[in-house]
């Protein structure tokens, strides 16, 4: 007896392909899609495990280290790694601006301008 894939489309129709592995109850294509989704979820959890860490340079450095390991293990594409590294760069730049703004909020906003008149020359 041949079993059919249990995947359903958005409209509710079932896939007509044969099941590749009886345990998965999915055809080869939908089983591969499901595995890819699980892998991407695991990668996202690895990179963003402690999202609060993005508020410090050390946290961003830690995330970049994880990104390096994923790229070295060939678990993430170099293109995606480059985009994530660029985003990390932007995060670091905004941390500097936020830190500068927080420090200047406590200071008085008034400026002292010394305007000395020029000497009279004939």
PDB file of N, CA and C in Angstrom:
ATOM      1  N   UNK A   1       0.847  -1.187   0.000  1.00  0.00           N
ATOM      2  CA  UNK A   1       0.000   0.000   0.000  1.00  0.00           C
ATOM      3  C   UNK A   1       0.887   1.243   0.000  1.00  0.00           C
ATOM      4  N   UNK A   2       0.646   2.110  -0.949  1.00  0.00           N
ATOM      5  CA  UNK A   2       1.446   3.315  -1.080  1.00  0.00           C
ATOM      6  C   UNK A   2       0.737   4.470  -0.382  1.00  0.00           C
ATOM      7  N   UNK A   3       1.464   5.142   0.516  1.00  0.00           N
ATOM      8  CA  UNK A   3       0.905   6.266   1.247  1.00  0.00           C
ATOM      9  C   UNK A   3       1.229   7.561   0.518  1.00  0.00           C
ATOM     10  N   UNK A   4       0.327   8.517   0.657  1.00  0.00           N
ATOM     11  CA  UNK A   4       0.543   9.822   0.042  1.00  0.00           C
ATOM     12  C   UNK A   4       1.003  10.822   1.096  1.00  0.00           C
ATOM     13  N   UNK A   5       1.711  11.819   0.622  1.00  0.00           N
ATOM     14  CA  UNK A   5       2.258  12.877   1.471  1.00  0.00           C
ATOM     15  C   UNK A   5       1.132  13.565   2.245  1.00  0.00           C
ATOM     16  N   UNK A   6       1.396  13.903   3.504  1.00  0.00           N
ATOM     17  CA  UNK A   6       0.394  14.533   4.370  1.00  0.00           C
ATOM     18  C   UNK A   6       0.441  16.063   4.321  1.00  0.00           C
ATOM     19  N   UNK A   7       1.337  16.624   3.509  1.00  0.00           N
ATOM     20  CA  UNK A   7       1.457  18.078   3.415  1.00  0.00           C
ATOM     21  C   UNK A   7       0.217  18.658   2.759  1.00  0.00           C
ATOM     22  N   UNK A   8      -0.254  19.768   3.315  1.00  0.00           N
ATOM     23  CA  UNK A   8      -1.406  20.468   2.737  1.00  0.00           C
ATOM     24  C   UNK A   8      -0.994  21.871   2.319  1.00  0.00           C
ATOM     25  N   UNK A   9      -1.512  22.305   1.199  1.00  0.00           N
ATOM     26  CA  UNK A   9      -1.230  23.653   0.701  1.00  0.00           C
ATOM     27  C   UNK A   9      -2.059  24.661   1.478  1.00  0.00           C
ATOM     28  N   UNK A  10      -1.849  25.928   1.194  1.00  0.00           N
ATOM     29  CA  UNK A  10      -2.601  26.991   1.870  1.00  0.00           C
ATOM     30  C   UNK A  10      -4.096  26.877   1.584  1.00  0.00           C
ATOM     31  N   UNK A  11      -4.434  26.363   0.407  1.00  0.00           N
ATOM     32  CA  UNK A  11      -5.852  26.221   0.064  1.00  0.00           C
ATOM     33  C   UNK A  11      -6.458  24.937   0.623  1.00  0.00           C
ATOM     34  N   UNK A  12      -5.654  24.091   1.268  1.00  0.00           N
ATOM     35  CA  UNK A  12      -6.171  22.873   1.892  1.00  0.00           C
ATOM     36  C   UNK A  12      -5.991  21.611   1.072  1.00  0.00           C
ATOM     37  N   UNK A  13      -5.431  21.722  -0.117  1.00  0.00           N
ATOM     38  CA  UNK A  13      -5.220  20.532  -0.964  1.00  0.00           C
ATOM     39  C   UNK A  13      -4.011  19.754  -0.469  1.00  0.00           C
ATOM     40  N   UNK A  14      -4.094  18.422  -0.608  1.00  0.00           N
ATOM     41  CA  UNK A  14      -2.989  17.562  -0.188  1.00  0.00           C
ATOM     42  C   UNK A  14      -2.049  17.302  -1.350  1.00  0.00           C
ATOM     43  N   UNK A  15      -0.785  17.107  -1.007  1.00  0.00           N
ATOM     44  CA  UNK A  15       0.229  16.740  -1.999  1.00  0.00           C
ATOM     45  C   UNK A  15      -0.069  15.323  -2.480  1.00  0.00           C
ATOM     46  N   UNK A  16       0.167  15.044  -3.758  1.00  0.00           N
ATOM     47  CA  UNK A  16      -0.145  13.726  -4.328  1.00  0.00           C
ATOM     48  C   UNK A  16       1.075  12.809  -4.440  1.00  0.00           C
ATOM     49  N   UNK A  17       2.230  13.303  -4.001  1.00  0.00           N
ATOM     50  CA  UNK A  17       3.450  12.505  -4.107  1.00  0.00           C
ATOM     51  C   UNK A  17       3.435  11.370  -3.077  1.00  0.00           C
ATOM     52  N   UNK A  18       4.207  10.346  -3.392  1.00  0.00           N
ATOM     53  CA  UNK A  18       4.319   9.211  -2.476  1.00  0.00           C
ATOM     54  C   UNK A  18       5.236   9.568  -1.308  1.00  0.00           C
ATOM     55  N   UNK A  19       4.991   8.964  -0.167  1.00  0.00           N
ATOM     56  CA  UNK A  19       5.793   9.197   1.034  1.00  0.00           C
ATOM     57  C   UNK A  19       7.164   8.573   0.829  1.00  0.00           C
ATOM     58  N   UNK A  20       8.233   9.346   1.148  1.00  0.00           N
ATOM     59  CA  UNK A  20       9.587   8.816   0.979  1.00  0.00           C
ATOM     60  C   UNK A  20       9.990   7.962   2.173  1.00  0.00           C
ATOM     61  N   UNK A  21       9.637   8.392   3.372  1.00  0.00           N
ATOM     62  CA  UNK A  21       9.912   7.632   4.587  1.00  0.00           C
ATOM     63  C   UNK A  21       8.613   7.536   5.380  1.00  0.00           C
ATOM     64  N   UNK A  22       8.194   6.333   5.724  1.00  0.00           N
ATOM     65  CA  UNK A  22       6.910   6.183   6.431  1.00  0.00           C
ATOM     66  C   UNK A  22       6.856   6.939   7.762  1.00  0.00           C
ATOM     67  N   UNK A  23       8.013   7.106   8.410  1.00  0.00           N
ATOM     68  CA  UNK A  23       8.023   7.803   9.698  1.00  0.00           C
ATOM     69  C   UNK A  23       7.708   9.292   9.552  1.00  0.00           C
ATOM     70  N   UNK A  24       8.141   9.900   8.456  1.00  0.00           N
ATOM     71  CA  UNK A  24       7.938  11.339   8.287  1.00  0.00           C
ATOM     72  C   UNK A  24       6.556  11.679   7.747  1.00  0.00           C
ATOM     73  N   UNK A  25       5.927  10.758   7.046  1.00  0.00           N
ATOM     74  CA  UNK A  25       4.621  10.935   6.408  1.00  0.00           C
ATOM     75  C   UNK A  25       4.621  12.072   5.393  1.00  0.00           C
ATOM     76  N   UNK A  26       5.829  12.401   4.870  1.00  0.00           N
ATOM     77  CA  UNK A  26       5.954  13.448   3.859  1.00  0.00           C
ATOM     78  C   UNK A  26       6.726  12.917   2.663  1.00  0.00           C
ATOM     79  N   UNK A  27       6.499  13.529   1.507  1.00  0.00           N
ATOM     80  CA  UNK A  27       7.277  13.169   0.326  1.00  0.00           C
ATOM     81  C   UNK A  27       8.692  13.740   0.465  1.00  0.00           C
ATOM     82  N   UNK A  28       9.554  13.387  -0.452  1.00  0.00           N
ATOM     83  CA  UNK A  28      10.956  13.816  -0.375  1.00  0.00           C
ATOM     84  C   UNK A  28      11.066  15.341  -0.343  1.00  0.00           C
ATOM     85  N   UNK A  29      10.319  16.026  -1.200  1.00  0.00           N
ATOM     86  CA  UNK A  29      10.402  17.478  -1.300  1.00  0.00           C
ATOM     87  C   UNK A  29       9.937  18.170  -0.019  1.00  0.00           C
ATOM     88  N   UNK A  30       8.808  17.757   0.505  1.00  0.00           N
ATOM     89  CA  UNK A  30       8.278  18.411   1.702  1.00  0.00           C
ATOM     90  C   UNK A  30       9.074  18.024   2.947  1.00  0.00           C
ATOM     91  N   UNK A  31       9.641  16.832   2.981  1.00  0.00           N
ATOM     92  CA  UNK A  31      10.511  16.444   4.096  1.00  0.00           C
ATOM     93  C   UNK A  31      11.775  17.308   4.088  1.00  0.00           C
ATOM     94  N   UNK A  32      12.325  17.568   2.895  1.00  0.00           N
ATOM     95  CA  UNK A  32      13.512  18.419   2.787  1.00  0.00           C
ATOM     96  C   UNK A  32      13.187  19.859   3.193  1.00  0.00           C
ATOM     97  N   UNK A  33      12.022  20.358   2.798  1.00  0.00           N
ATOM     98  CA  UNK A  33      11.606  21.712   3.186  1.00  0.00           C
ATOM     99  C   UNK A  33      11.452  21.825   4.705  1.00  0.00           C
ATOM    100  N   UNK A  34      10.887  20.794   5.314  1.00  0.00           N
ATOM    101  CA  UNK A  34      10.699  20.795   6.760  1.00  0.00           C
ATOM    102  C   UNK A  34      12.052  20.766   7.479  1.00  0.00           C
ATOM    103  N   UNK A  35      12.982  19.981   6.969  1.00  0.00           N
ATOM    104  CA  UNK A  35      14.319  19.906   7.567  1.00  0.00           C
ATOM    105  C   UNK A  35      15.031  21.247   7.433  1.00  0.00           C
ATOM    106  N   UNK A  36      14.894  21.890   6.268  1.00  0.00           N
ATOM    107  CA  UNK A  36      15.521  23.193   6.051  1.00  0.00           C
ATOM    108  C   UNK A  36      14.965  24.227   7.019  1.00  0.00           C
ATOM    109  N   UNK A  37      13.658  24.209   7.245  1.00  0.00           N
ATOM    110  CA  UNK A  37      13.035  25.140   8.187  1.00  0.00           C
ATOM    111  C   UNK A  37      13.556  24.922   9.605  1.00  0.00           C
ATOM    112  N   UNK A  38      13.694  23.652  10.008  1.00  0.00           N
ATOM    113  CA  UNK A  38      14.228  23.352  11.338  1.00  0.00           C
ATOM    114  C   UNK A  38      15.672  23.818  11.467  1.00  0.00           C
ATOM    115  N   UNK A  39      16.468  23.626  10.402  1.00  0.00           N
ATOM    116  CA  UNK A  39      17.866  24.052  10.429  1.00  0.00           C
ATOM    117  C   UNK A  39      17.983  25.565  10.543  1.00  0.00           C
ATOM    118  N   UNK A  40      17.152  26.292   9.792  1.00  0.00           N
ATOM    119  CA  UNK A  40      17.181  27.757   9.850  1.00  0.00           C
ATOM    120  C   UNK A  40      16.757  28.271  11.225  1.00  0.00           C
ATOM    121  N   UNK A  41      15.794  27.601  11.833  1.00  0.00           N
ATOM    122  CA  UNK A  41      15.358  27.986  13.165  1.00  0.00           C
ATOM    123  C   UNK A  41      16.480  27.765  14.175  1.00  0.00           C
ATOM    124  N   UNK A  42      17.196  26.663  14.026  1.00  0.00           N
ATOM    125  CA  UNK A  42      18.312  26.372  14.926  1.00  0.00           C
ATOM    126  C   UNK A  42      19.437  27.391  14.741  1.00  0.00           C
ATOM    127  N   UNK A  43      19.710  27.786  13.489  1.00  0.00           N
ATOM    128  CA  UNK A  43      20.743  28.800  13.234  1.00  0.00           C
ATOM    129  C   UNK A  43      20.361  30.136  13.852  1.00  0.00           C
ATOM    130  N   UNK A  44      19.108  30.505  13.692  1.00  0.00           N
ATOM    131  CA  UNK A  44      18.647  31.769  14.258  1.00  0.00           C
ATOM    132  C   UNK A  44      18.759  31.743  15.782  1.00  0.00           C
ATOM    133  N   UNK A  45      18.422  30.624  16.380  1.00  0.00           N
ATOM    134  CA  UNK A  45      18.523  30.505  17.833  1.00  0.00           C
ATOM    135  C   UNK A  45      19.985  30.588  18.273  1.00  0.00           C
ATOM    136  N   UNK A  46      20.886  30.016  17.480  1.00  0.00           N
ATOM    137  CA  UNK A  46      22.311  30.062  17.817  1.00  0.00           C
ATOM    138  C   UNK A  46      22.832  31.493  17.777  1.00  0.00           C
ATOM    139  N   UNK A  47      22.475  32.233  16.741  1.00  0.00           N
ATOM    140  CA  UNK A  47      22.993  33.594  16.578  1.00  0.00           C
ATOM    141  C   UNK A  47      22.354  34.604  17.520  1.00  0.00           C
ATOM    142  N   UNK A  48      21.082  34.427  17.803  1.00  0.00           N
ATOM    143  CA  UNK A  48      20.373  35.408  18.621  1.00  0.00           C
ATOM    144  C   UNK A  48      20.057  34.880  20.005  1.00  0.00           C
ATOM    145  N   UNK A  49      20.746  33.839  20.424  1.00  0.00           N
ATOM    146  CA  UNK A  49      20.468  33.194  21.700  1.00  0.00           C
ATOM    147  C   UNK A  49      20.231  34.177  22.826  1.00  0.00           C
ATOM    148  N   UNK A  50      21.088  35.156  22.978  1.00  0.00           N
ATOM    149  CA  UNK A  50      20.920  36.175  24.009  1.00  0.00           C
ATOM    150  C   UNK A  50      20.793  37.519  23.306  1.00  0.00           C
ATOM    151  N   UNK A  51      19.588  37.842  22.901  1.00  0.00           N
ATOM    152  CA  UNK A  51      19.360  39.070  22.130  1.00  0.00           C
ATOM    153  C   UNK A  51      19.734  40.315  22.922  1.00  0.00           C
ATOM    154  N   UNK A  52      19.726  40.223  24.245  1.00  0.00           N
ATOM    155  CA  UNK A  52      20.120  41.371  25.059  1.00  0.00           C
ATOM    156  C   UNK A  52      21.597  41.692  24.848  1.00  0.00           C
ATOM    157  N   UNK A  53      22.359  40.709  24.370  1.00  0.00           N
ATOM    158  CA  UNK A  53      23.781  40.910  24.150  1.00  0.00           C
ATOM    159  C   UNK A  53      24.082  41.901  23.044  1.00  0.00           C
ATOM    160  N   UNK A  54      23.098  42.244  22.242  1.00  0.00           N
ATOM    161  CA  UNK A  54      23.319  43.205  21.162  1.00  0.00           C
ATOM    162  C   UNK A  54      23.391  44.636  21.678  1.00  0.00           C
ATOM    163  N   UNK A  55      23.205  44.821  22.976  1.00  0.00           N
ATOM    164  CA  UNK A  55      23.272  46.158  23.564  1.00  0.00           C
ATOM    165  C   UNK A  55      24.668  46.524  24.033  1.00  0.00           C
ATOM    166  N   UNK A  56      25.612  45.610  23.882  1.00  0.00           N
ATOM    167  CA  UNK A  56      26.987  45.883  24.305  1.00  0.00           C
ATOM    168  C   UNK A  56      27.942  45.444  23.203  1.00  0.00           C
ATOM    169  N   UNK A  57      29.094  46.077  23.112  1.00  0.00           N
ATOM    170  CA  UNK A  57      30.081  45.633  22.122  1.00  0.00           C
ATOM    171  C   UNK A  57      30.521  44.185  22.358  1.00  0.00           C
ATOM    172  N   UNK A  58      30.574  43.774  23.615  1.00  0.00           N
ATOM    173  CA  UNK A  58      30.966  42.402  23.920  1.00  0.00           C
ATOM    174  C   UNK A  58      29.937  41.406  23.398  1.00  0.00           C
ATOM    175  N   UNK A  59      28.654  41.750  23.538  1.00  0.00           N
ATOM    176  CA  UNK A  59      27.584  40.878  23.046  1.00  0.00           C
ATOM    177  C   UNK A  59      27.625  40.739  21.536  1.00  0.00           C
ATOM    178  N   UNK A  60      27.888  41.840  20.853  1.00  0.00           N
ATOM    179  CA  UNK A  60      27.981  41.798  19.392  1.00  0.00           C
ATOM    180  C   UNK A  60      29.209  40.990  18.980  1.00  0.00           C
ATOM    181  N   UNK A  61      30.311  41.151  19.706  1.00  0.00           N
ATOM    182  CA  UNK A  61      31.510  40.377  19.426  1.00  0.00           C
ATOM    183  C   UNK A  61      31.241  38.883  19.602  1.00  0.00           C
ATOM    184  N   UNK A  62      30.506  38.524  20.638  1.00  0.00           N
ATOM    185  CA  UNK A  62      30.165  37.122  20.897  1.00  0.00           C
ATOM    186  C   UNK A  62      29.327  36.561  19.737  1.00  0.00           C
ATOM    187  N   UNK A  63      28.361  37.345  19.272  1.00  0.00           N
ATOM    188  CA  UNK A  63      27.520  36.923  18.155  1.00  0.00           C
ATOM    189  C   UNK A  63      28.348  36.766  16.879  1.00  0.00           C
ATOM    190  N   UNK A  64      29.298  37.677  16.648  1.00  0.00           N
ATOM    191  CA  UNK A  64      30.169  37.569  15.475  1.00  0.00           C
ATOM    192  C   UNK A  64      31.043  36.322  15.550  1.00  0.00           C
ATOM    193  N   UNK A  65      31.451  35.953  16.752  1.00  0.00           N
ATOM    194  CA  UNK A  65      32.213  34.716  16.922  1.00  0.00           C
ATOM    195  C   UNK A  65      31.389  33.500  16.539  1.00  0.00           C
ATOM    196  N   UNK A  66      30.120  33.491  16.935  1.00  0.00           N
ATOM    197  CA  UNK A  66      29.219  32.398  16.556  1.00  0.00           C
ATOM    198  C   UNK A  66      29.024  32.380  15.037  1.00  0.00           C
ATOM    199  N   UNK A  67      28.889  33.562  14.462  1.00  0.00           N
ATOM    200  CA  UNK A  67      28.726  33.670  13.013  1.00  0.00           C
ATOM    201  C   UNK A  67      29.943  33.108  12.291  1.00  0.00           C
ATOM    202  N   UNK A  68      31.123  33.408  12.798  1.00  0.00           N
ATOM    203  CA  UNK A  68      32.367  32.898  12.219  1.00  0.00           C
ATOM    204  C   UNK A  68      32.386  31.365  12.243  1.00  0.00           C
ATOM    205  N   UNK A  69      31.987  30.789  13.372  1.00  0.00           N
ATOM    206  CA  UNK A  69      31.971  29.329  13.487  1.00  0.00           C
ATOM    207  C   UNK A  69      30.982  28.705  12.515  1.00  0.00           C
ATOM    208  N   UNK A  70      29.802  29.313  12.376  1.00  0.00           N
ATOM    209  CA  UNK A  70      28.802  28.780  11.445  1.00  0.00           C
ATOM    210  C   UNK A  70      29.307  28.846  10.005  1.00  0.00           C
ATOM    211  N   UNK A  71      29.981  29.933   9.665  1.00  0.00           N
ATOM    212  CA  UNK A  71      30.524  30.073   8.316  1.00  0.00           C
ATOM    213  C   UNK A  71      31.650  29.082   8.086  1.00  0.00           C
ATOM    214  N   UNK A  72      32.511  28.893   9.081  1.00  0.00           N
ATOM    215  CA  UNK A  72      33.617  27.945   8.949  1.00  0.00           C
ATOM    216  C   UNK A  72      33.111  26.509   8.822  1.00  0.00           C
ATOM    217  N   UNK A  73      32.009  26.198   9.489  1.00  0.00           N
ATOM    218  CA  UNK A  73      31.419  24.853   9.397  1.00  0.00           C
ATOM    219  C   UNK A  73      30.536  24.689   8.169  1.00  0.00           C
ATOM    220  N   UNK A  74      30.457  25.740   7.347  1.00  0.00           N
ATOM    221  CA  UNK A  74      29.652  25.733   6.122  1.00  0.00           C
ATOM    222  C   UNK A  74      28.164  25.497   6.412  1.00  0.00           C
ATOM    223  N   UNK A  75      27.699  26.050   7.523  1.00  0.00           N
ATOM    224  CA  UNK A  75      26.288  25.926   7.885  1.00  0.00           C
ATOM    225  C   UNK A  75      25.492  27.157   7.482  1.00  0.00           C
ATOM    226  N   UNK A  76      26.195  28.178   7.007  1.00  0.00           N
ATOM    227  CA  UNK A  76      25.554  29.417   6.588  1.00  0.00           C
ATOM    228  C   UNK A  76      26.288  29.910   5.347  1.00  0.00           C
ATOM    229  N   UNK A  77      25.550  30.515   4.436  1.00  0.00           N
ATOM    230  CA  UNK A  77      26.173  30.983   3.197  1.00  0.00           C
ATOM    231  C   UNK A  77      27.035  32.212   3.468  1.00  0.00           C
ATOM    232  N   UNK A  78      28.039  32.396   2.648  1.00  0.00           N
ATOM    233  CA  UNK A  78      28.928  33.548   2.830  1.00  0.00           C
ATOM    234  C   UNK A  78      28.169  34.855   2.591  1.00  0.00           C
ATOM    235  N   UNK A  79      27.198  34.824   1.722  1.00  0.00           N
ATOM    236  CA  UNK A  79      26.401  36.022   1.462  1.00  0.00           C
ATOM    237  C   UNK A  79      25.597  36.423   2.699  1.00  0.00           C
ATOM    238  N   UNK A  80      24.947  35.440   3.314  1.00  0.00           N
ATOM    239  CA  UNK A  80      24.173  35.722   4.520  1.00  0.00           C
ATOM    240  C   UNK A  80      25.095  36.169   5.653  1.00  0.00           C
ATOM    241  N   UNK A  81      26.258  35.549   5.758  1.00  0.00           N
ATOM    242  CA  UNK A  81      27.222  35.927   6.796  1.00  0.00           C
ATOM    243  C   UNK A  81      27.681  37.368   6.590  1.00  0.00           C
ATOM    244  N   UNK A  82      27.891  37.767   5.335  1.00  0.00           N
ATOM    245  CA  UNK A  82      28.321  39.136   5.046  1.00  0.00           C
ATOM    246  C   UNK A  82      27.235  40.133   5.440  1.00  0.00           C
ATOM    247  N   UNK A  83      25.989  39.809   5.175  1.00  0.00           N
ATOM    248  CA  UNK A  83      24.884  40.701   5.541  1.00  0.00           C
ATOM    249  C   UNK A  83      24.791  40.823   7.061  1.00  0.00           C
ATOM    250  N   UNK A  84      24.896  39.705   7.760  1.00  0.00           N
ATOM    251  CA  UNK A  84      24.828  39.736   9.222  1.00  0.00           C
ATOM    252  C   UNK A  84      26.015  40.482   9.825  1.00  0.00           C
ATOM    253  N   UNK A  85      27.191  40.343   9.229  1.00  0.00           N
ATOM    254  CA  UNK A  85      28.357  41.079   9.707  1.00  0.00           C
ATOM    255  C   UNK A  85      28.161  42.584   9.489  1.00  0.00           C
ATOM    256  N   UNK A  86      27.555  42.958   8.370  1.00  0.00           N
ATOM    257  CA  UNK A  86      27.278  44.368   8.100  1.00  0.00           C
ATOM    258  C   UNK A  86      26.284  44.929   9.125  1.00  0.00           C
ATOM    259  N   UNK A  87      25.265  44.149   9.436  1.00  0.00           N
ATOM    260  CA  UNK A  87      24.289  44.582  10.444  1.00  0.00           C
ATOM    261  C   UNK A  87      24.972  44.743  11.794  1.00  0.00           C
ATOM    262  N   UNK A  88      25.879  43.845  12.119  1.00  0.00           N
ATOM    263  CA  UNK A  88      26.633  43.959  13.372  1.00  0.00           C
ATOM    264  C   UNK A  88      27.449  45.245  13.395  1.00  0.00           C
ATOM    265  N   UNK A  89      28.017  45.599  12.253  1.00  0.00           N
ATOM    266  CA  UNK A  89      28.763  46.849  12.141  1.00  0.00           C
ATOM    267  C   UNK A  89      27.854  48.045  12.420  1.00  0.00           C
ATOM    268  N   UNK A  90      26.658  48.018  11.866  1.00  0.00           N
ATOM    269  CA  UNK A  90      25.704  49.099  12.113  1.00  0.00           C
ATOM    270  C   UNK A  90      25.312  49.160  13.589  1.00  0.00           C
ATOM    271  N   UNK A  91      25.124  48.005  14.202  1.00  0.00           N
ATOM    272  CA  UNK A  91      24.795  47.976  15.626  1.00  0.00           C
ATOM    273  C   UNK A  91      25.906  48.598  16.460  1.00  0.00           C
ATOM    274  N   UNK A  92      27.155  48.261  16.136  1.00  0.00           N
ATOM    275  CA  UNK A  92      28.281  48.843  16.874  1.00  0.00           C
ATOM    276  C   UNK A  92      28.325  50.362  16.719  1.00  0.00           C
ATOM    277  N   UNK A  93      28.079  50.841  15.518  1.00  0.00           N
ATOM    278  CA  UNK A  93      28.094  52.291  15.282  1.00  0.00           C
ATOM    279  C   UNK A  93      26.995  53.002  16.059  1.00  0.00           C
ATOM    280  N   UNK A  94      25.823  52.394  16.121  1.00  0.00           N
ATOM    281  CA  UNK A  94      24.733  53.038  16.861  1.00  0.00           C
ATOM    282  C   UNK A  94      24.985  52.991  18.358  1.00  0.00           C
ATOM    283  N   UNK A  95      25.683  51.965  18.848  1.00  0.00           N
ATOM    284  CA  UNK A  95      26.014  51.926  20.277  1.00  0.00           C
ATOM    285  C   UNK A  95      26.882  53.102  20.673  1.00  0.00           C
ATOM    286  N   UNK A  96      27.818  53.486  19.822  1.00  0.00           N
ATOM    287  CA  UNK A  96      28.692  54.628  20.099  1.00  0.00           C
ATOM    288  C   UNK A  96      27.870  55.906  20.166  1.00  0.00           C
ATOM    289  N   UNK A  97      26.945  56.075  19.235  1.00  0.00           N
ATOM    290  CA  UNK A  97      26.100  57.274  19.211  1.00  0.00           C
ATOM    291  C   UNK A  97      25.208  57.317  20.448  1.00  0.00           C
ATOM    292  N   UNK A  98      24.626  56.186  20.803  1.00  0.00           N
ATOM    293  CA  UNK A  98      23.755  56.127  21.987  1.00  0.00           C
ATOM    294  C   UNK A  98      24.559  56.454  23.238  1.00  0.00           C
ATOM    295  N   UNK A  99      25.750  55.897  23.353  1.00  0.00           N
ATOM    296  CA  UNK A  99      26.601  56.155  24.510  1.00  0.00           C
ATOM    297  C   UNK A  99      26.966  57.629  24.601  1.00  0.00           C
ATOM    298  N   UNK A 100      27.313  58.232  23.471  1.00  0.00           N
ATOM    299  CA  UNK A 100      27.662  59.662  23.452  1.00  0.00           C
ATOM    300  C   UNK A 100      26.460  60.516  23.843  1.00  0.00           C
ATOM    301  N   UNK A 101      25.282  60.163  23.334  1.00  0.00           N
ATOM    302  CA  UNK A 101      24.071  60.920  23.639  1.00  0.00           C
ATOM    303  C   UNK A 101      23.724  60.809  25.123  1.00  0.00           C
ATOM    304  N   UNK A 102      23.865  59.606  25.685  1.00  0.00           N
ATOM    305  CA  UNK A 102      23.558  59.418  27.100  1.00  0.00           C
ATOM    306  C   UNK A 102      24.493  60.224  27.988  1.00  0.00           C
ATOM    307  N   UNK A 103      25.758  60.318  27.603  1.00  0.00           N
ATOM    308  CA  UNK A 103      26.720  61.084  28.393  1.00  0.00           C
ATOM    309  C   UNK A 103      26.450  62.576  28.299  1.00  0.00           C
ATOM    310  N   UNK A 104      26.028  63.054  27.135  1.00  0.00           N
ATOM    311  CA  UNK A 104      25.812  64.489  26.953  1.00  0.00           C
ATOM    312  C   UNK A 104      24.483  64.951  27.539  1.00  0.00           C
ATOM    313  N   UNK A 105      23.551  64.052  27.832  1.00  0.00           N
ATOM    314  CA  UNK A 105      22.267  64.462  28.403  1.00  0.00           C
ATOM    315  C   UNK A 105      22.433  65.036  29.801  1.00  0.00           C
ATOM    316  N   UNK A 106      23.415  64.564  30.534  1.00  0.00           N
ATOM    317  CA  UNK A 106      23.639  65.054  31.883  1.00  0.00           C
ATOM    318  C   UNK A 106      24.342  66.397  31.912  1.00  0.00           C
ATOM    319  N   UNK A 107      24.951  66.794  30.831  1.00  0.00           N
ATOM    320  CA  UNK A 107      25.689  68.049  30.779  1.00  0.00           C
ATOM    321  C   UNK A 107      24.761  69.204  30.435  1.00  0.00           C
ATOM    322  N   UNK A 108      25.198  70.397  30.802  1.00  0.00           N
ATOM    323  CA  UNK A 108      24.442  71.602  30.484  1.00  0.00           C
ATOM    324  C   UNK A 108      24.574  71.879  28.986  1.00  0.00           C
ATOM    325  N   UNK A 109      23.488  72.243  28.356  1.00  0.00           N
ATOM    326  CA  UNK A 109      23.478  72.468  26.912  1.00  0.00           C
ATOM    327  C   UNK A 109      24.029  73.838  26.519  1.00  0.00           C
ATOM    328  N   UNK A 110      24.250  74.729  27.503  1.00  0.00           N
ATOM    329  CA  UNK A 110      24.748  76.062  27.194  1.00  0.00           C
ATOM    330  C   UNK A 110      26.200  75.991  26.752  1.00  0.00           C
ATOM    331  N   UNK A 111      26.556  76.868  25.829  1.00  0.00           N
ATOM    332  CA  UNK A 111      27.927  76.959  25.355  1.00  0.00           C
ATOM    333  C   UNK A 111      28.463  78.352  25.660  1.00  0.00           C
ATOM    334  N   UNK A 112      29.727  78.416  25.972  1.00  0.00           N
ATOM    335  CA  UNK A 112      30.377  79.696  26.217  1.00  0.00           C
ATOM    336  C   UNK A 112      31.175  80.048  24.969  1.00  0.00           C
ATOM    337  N   UNK A 113      30.856  81.201  24.392  1.00  0.00           N
ATOM    338  CA  UNK A 113      31.545  81.653  23.189  1.00  0.00           C
ATOM    339  C   UNK A 113      32.298  82.929  23.548  1.00  0.00           C
ATOM    340  N   UNK A 114      33.575  82.901  23.352  1.00  0.00           N
ATOM    341  CA  UNK A 114      34.394  84.077  23.652  1.00  0.00           C
ATOM    342  C   UNK A 114      34.628  84.810  22.337  1.00  0.00           C
ATOM    343  N   UNK A 115      34.140  86.045  22.296  1.00  0.00           N
ATOM    344  CA  UNK A 115      34.268  86.841  21.084  1.00  0.00           C
ATOM    345  C   UNK A 115      35.122  88.054  21.423  1.00  0.00           C
ATOM    346  N   UNK A 116      36.383  88.000  21.076  1.00  0.00           N
ATOM    347  CA  UNK A 116      37.309  89.089  21.360  1.00  0.00           C
ATOM    348  C   UNK A 116      37.328  90.027  20.150  1.00  0.00           C
ATOM    349  N   UNK A 117      37.191  91.338  20.403  1.00  0.00           N
ATOM    350  CA  UNK A 117      37.226  92.256  19.263  1.00  0.00           C
ATOM    351  C   UNK A 117      38.611  92.287  18.634  1.00  0.00           C
ATOM    352  N   UNK A 118      38.622  92.458  17.347  1.00  0.00           N
ATOM    353  CA  UNK A 118      39.892  92.529  16.619  1.00  0.00           C
ATOM    354  C   UNK A 118      40.567  93.886  16.858  1.00  0.00           C
ATOM    355  N   UNK A 119      41.873  93.901  16.771  1.00  0.00           N
ATOM    356  CA  UNK A 119      42.554  95.180  16.955  1.00  0.00           C
ATOM    357  C   UNK A 119      42.283  96.123  15.789  1.00  0.00           C
ATOM    358  N   UNK A 120      42.319  97.434  16.074  1.00  0.00           N
ATOM    359  CA  UNK A 120      42.119  98.453  15.047  1.00  0.00           C
ATOM    360  C   UNK A 120      43.395  98.571  14.230  1.00  0.00           C
ATOM    361  N   UNK A 121      43.328  98.401  12.964  1.00  0.00           N
ATOM    362  CA  UNK A 121      44.495  98.551  12.087  1.00  0.00           C
ATOM    363  C   UNK A 121      44.231  99.671  11.108  1.00  0.00           C
ATOM    364  N   UNK A 122      45.193 100.495  10.948  1.00  0.00           N
ATOM    365  CA  UNK A 122      45.053 101.623  10.018  1.00  0.00           C
ATOM    366  C   UNK A 122      45.704 101.332   8.719  1.00  0.00           C
TER     367      UNK A 122
END
